[in-house]
N, C-alpha and C. Protein backbone atom coordinates (compact mmCIF):
# COMPACT_ATOMS: atom_id res chain seq x y z
N MET A 1 45.76 -20.80 41.70
CA MET A 1 44.52 -20.86 40.93
C MET A 1 44.65 -21.85 39.78
N ILE A 2 45.79 -21.85 39.12
CA ILE A 2 46.01 -22.78 38.01
C ILE A 2 45.97 -24.22 38.50
N GLN A 3 46.47 -24.45 39.71
CA GLN A 3 46.46 -25.81 40.25
C GLN A 3 45.04 -26.35 40.41
N MET A 4 44.12 -25.45 40.69
CA MET A 4 42.74 -25.88 40.86
C MET A 4 42.19 -26.48 39.55
N PHE A 5 42.55 -25.87 38.41
CA PHE A 5 42.05 -26.35 37.13
C PHE A 5 42.85 -27.54 36.60
N SER A 6 44.06 -27.68 37.03
CA SER A 6 44.91 -28.74 36.47
C SER A 6 44.44 -30.14 36.84
N ASN A 7 43.75 -30.27 37.98
CA ASN A 7 43.30 -31.61 38.35
C ASN A 7 41.83 -31.85 38.01
N TRP A 8 41.24 -31.00 37.18
CA TRP A 8 39.86 -31.21 36.74
C TRP A 8 39.83 -32.31 35.68
N THR A 9 38.80 -33.13 35.76
CA THR A 9 38.60 -34.14 34.72
C THR A 9 37.62 -33.58 33.68
N TYR A 10 37.36 -34.38 32.67
CA TYR A 10 36.45 -33.92 31.62
C TYR A 10 35.04 -33.66 32.17
N VAL A 11 34.67 -34.34 33.24
CA VAL A 11 33.34 -34.16 33.82
C VAL A 11 33.18 -32.74 34.36
N GLU A 12 34.18 -32.26 35.09
CA GLU A 12 34.11 -30.90 35.63
C GLU A 12 34.08 -29.87 34.51
N TRP A 13 34.88 -30.09 33.46
CA TRP A 13 34.88 -29.15 32.33
C TRP A 13 33.53 -29.17 31.62
N LEU A 14 32.95 -30.35 31.49
CA LEU A 14 31.63 -30.46 30.86
C LEU A 14 30.57 -29.73 31.69
N ILE A 15 30.63 -29.90 32.99
CA ILE A 15 29.68 -29.20 33.87
C ILE A 15 29.86 -27.69 33.75
N LEU A 16 31.11 -27.23 33.70
CA LEU A 16 31.38 -25.80 33.54
C LEU A 16 30.80 -25.27 32.23
N ILE A 17 31.00 -26.00 31.15
CA ILE A 17 30.48 -25.57 29.85
C ILE A 17 28.96 -25.54 29.86
N ILE A 18 28.34 -26.56 30.43
CA ILE A 18 26.87 -26.60 30.50
C ILE A 18 26.35 -25.44 31.34
N ASP A 19 27.02 -25.15 32.45
CA ASP A 19 26.60 -24.02 33.29
C ASP A 19 26.72 -22.69 32.54
N ILE A 20 27.80 -22.51 31.80
CA ILE A 20 27.98 -21.27 31.04
C ILE A 20 26.89 -21.14 29.98
N VAL A 21 26.59 -22.22 29.27
CA VAL A 21 25.53 -22.19 28.26
C VAL A 21 24.19 -21.88 28.91
N ALA A 22 23.93 -22.46 30.07
CA ALA A 22 22.66 -22.21 30.76
C ALA A 22 22.55 -20.74 31.17
N VAL A 23 23.63 -20.16 31.66
CA VAL A 23 23.61 -18.75 32.06
C VAL A 23 23.36 -17.87 30.84
N VAL A 24 23.99 -18.18 29.71
CA VAL A 24 23.78 -17.40 28.49
C VAL A 24 22.32 -17.48 28.05
N ILE A 25 21.73 -18.66 28.10
CA ILE A 25 20.33 -18.82 27.72
C ILE A 25 19.42 -18.02 28.63
N VAL A 26 19.65 -18.09 29.93
CA VAL A 26 18.82 -17.35 30.88
C VAL A 26 18.95 -15.85 30.67
N VAL A 27 20.17 -15.36 30.47
CA VAL A 27 20.38 -13.93 30.26
C VAL A 27 19.67 -13.47 28.99
N ARG A 28 19.78 -14.21 27.92
CA ARG A 28 19.10 -13.83 26.67
C ARG A 28 17.58 -13.83 26.84
N PHE A 29 17.06 -14.85 27.52
CA PHE A 29 15.62 -14.94 27.75
C PHE A 29 15.14 -13.73 28.55
N LEU A 30 15.84 -13.43 29.64
CA LEU A 30 15.43 -12.30 30.48
C LEU A 30 15.56 -10.97 29.74
N ARG A 31 16.62 -10.83 28.95
CA ARG A 31 16.80 -9.59 28.18
C ARG A 31 15.66 -9.41 27.18
N ASN A 32 15.29 -10.47 26.48
CA ASN A 32 14.18 -10.38 25.53
C ASN A 32 12.87 -10.09 26.23
N LYS A 33 12.66 -10.71 27.38
CA LYS A 33 11.43 -10.48 28.13
C LYS A 33 11.35 -9.03 28.60
N ILE A 34 12.46 -8.49 29.07
CA ILE A 34 12.49 -7.09 29.52
C ILE A 34 12.25 -6.15 28.35
N LYS A 35 12.86 -6.43 27.20
CA LYS A 35 12.65 -5.59 26.01
C LYS A 35 11.18 -5.58 25.60
N LYS A 36 10.56 -6.76 25.59
CA LYS A 36 9.14 -6.83 25.22
C LYS A 36 8.28 -6.06 26.20
N LYS A 37 8.60 -6.18 27.48
CA LYS A 37 7.82 -5.48 28.51
C LYS A 37 7.99 -3.97 28.37
N LEU A 38 9.21 -3.51 28.08
CA LEU A 38 9.43 -2.07 27.89
C LEU A 38 8.69 -1.56 26.66
N ASP A 39 8.67 -2.34 25.59
CA ASP A 39 7.91 -1.96 24.40
C ASP A 39 6.42 -1.86 24.72
N GLU A 40 5.94 -2.80 25.51
CA GLU A 40 4.53 -2.80 25.91
C GLU A 40 4.20 -1.56 26.74
N VAL A 41 5.08 -1.23 27.66
CA VAL A 41 4.88 -0.04 28.51
C VAL A 41 4.90 1.22 27.66
N GLU A 42 5.81 1.28 26.69
CA GLU A 42 5.89 2.45 25.81
C GLU A 42 4.61 2.61 24.99
N LEU A 43 4.10 1.51 24.45
CA LEU A 43 2.85 1.57 23.69
C LEU A 43 1.69 2.04 24.56
N ARG A 44 1.63 1.51 25.77
CA ARG A 44 0.56 1.91 26.69
C ARG A 44 0.67 3.39 27.04
N GLN A 45 1.89 3.85 27.27
CA GLN A 45 2.10 5.26 27.60
C GLN A 45 1.73 6.16 26.42
N ASN A 46 2.10 5.77 25.21
CA ASN A 46 1.73 6.55 24.03
C ASN A 46 0.22 6.60 23.85
N PHE A 47 -0.45 5.48 24.09
CA PHE A 47 -1.90 5.44 23.97
C PHE A 47 -2.55 6.36 25.00
N GLN A 48 -2.07 6.30 26.24
CA GLN A 48 -2.64 7.16 27.28
C GLN A 48 -2.39 8.63 26.99
N THR A 49 -1.21 8.95 26.47
CA THR A 49 -0.91 10.34 26.11
C THR A 49 -1.84 10.81 25.00
N ARG A 50 -2.05 9.96 24.01
CA ARG A 50 -2.95 10.30 22.91
C ARG A 50 -4.38 10.51 23.43
N GLN A 51 -4.82 9.65 24.33
CA GLN A 51 -6.16 9.79 24.91
C GLN A 51 -6.29 11.10 25.68
N ARG A 52 -5.25 11.45 26.46
CA ARG A 52 -5.31 12.71 27.22
C ARG A 52 -5.36 13.91 26.29
N ARG A 53 -4.61 13.87 25.19
CA ARG A 53 -4.62 14.98 24.24
C ARG A 53 -6.00 15.14 23.61
N GLU A 54 -6.60 14.01 23.21
CA GLU A 54 -7.93 14.07 22.60
C GLU A 54 -8.96 14.59 23.60
N LEU A 55 -8.85 14.17 24.84
CA LEU A 55 -9.76 14.65 25.88
C LEU A 55 -9.57 16.14 26.12
N ALA A 56 -8.33 16.60 26.12
CA ALA A 56 -8.06 18.03 26.31
C ALA A 56 -8.61 18.83 25.14
N LYS A 57 -8.48 18.31 23.91
CA LYS A 57 -9.04 19.01 22.75
C LYS A 57 -10.55 19.10 22.85
N GLN A 58 -11.18 18.02 23.27
CA GLN A 58 -12.64 18.03 23.42
C GLN A 58 -13.07 19.02 24.50
N ASP A 59 -12.34 19.07 25.60
CA ASP A 59 -12.65 20.02 26.66
C ASP A 59 -12.49 21.46 26.17
N ASN A 60 -11.44 21.71 25.38
CA ASN A 60 -11.23 23.05 24.84
C ASN A 60 -12.34 23.44 23.87
N ARG A 61 -12.78 22.50 23.06
CA ARG A 61 -13.86 22.79 22.12
C ARG A 61 -15.16 23.09 22.86
N GLN A 62 -15.44 22.31 23.89
CA GLN A 62 -16.66 22.53 24.65
C GLN A 62 -16.62 23.86 25.39
N SER A 63 -15.48 24.21 25.95
CA SER A 63 -15.39 25.48 26.69
C SER A 63 -15.42 26.67 25.73
N SER A 64 -14.90 26.50 24.51
CA SER A 64 -14.93 27.61 23.55
C SER A 64 -16.33 27.79 22.95
N GLU A 65 -17.12 26.72 22.90
CA GLU A 65 -18.48 26.82 22.38
C GLU A 65 -19.41 27.51 23.38
N GLU A 66 -19.08 27.44 24.64
CA GLU A 66 -19.94 28.03 25.67
C GLU A 66 -19.73 29.49 25.79
């Protein structure tokens, strides 16, 4: 395995470094995108839960008035 790296020139090392940087950028971008999407889903779920609670309260009030 060491022999494989010993005959690399600066071009191969440069390509390796660029590839590593590109992978890091892609991983960070995807991680941030997933975090934002999860936050969005959580907000939507909280809103829907709040709406269901308010609807249930209104239904209880209407049924108790009758």
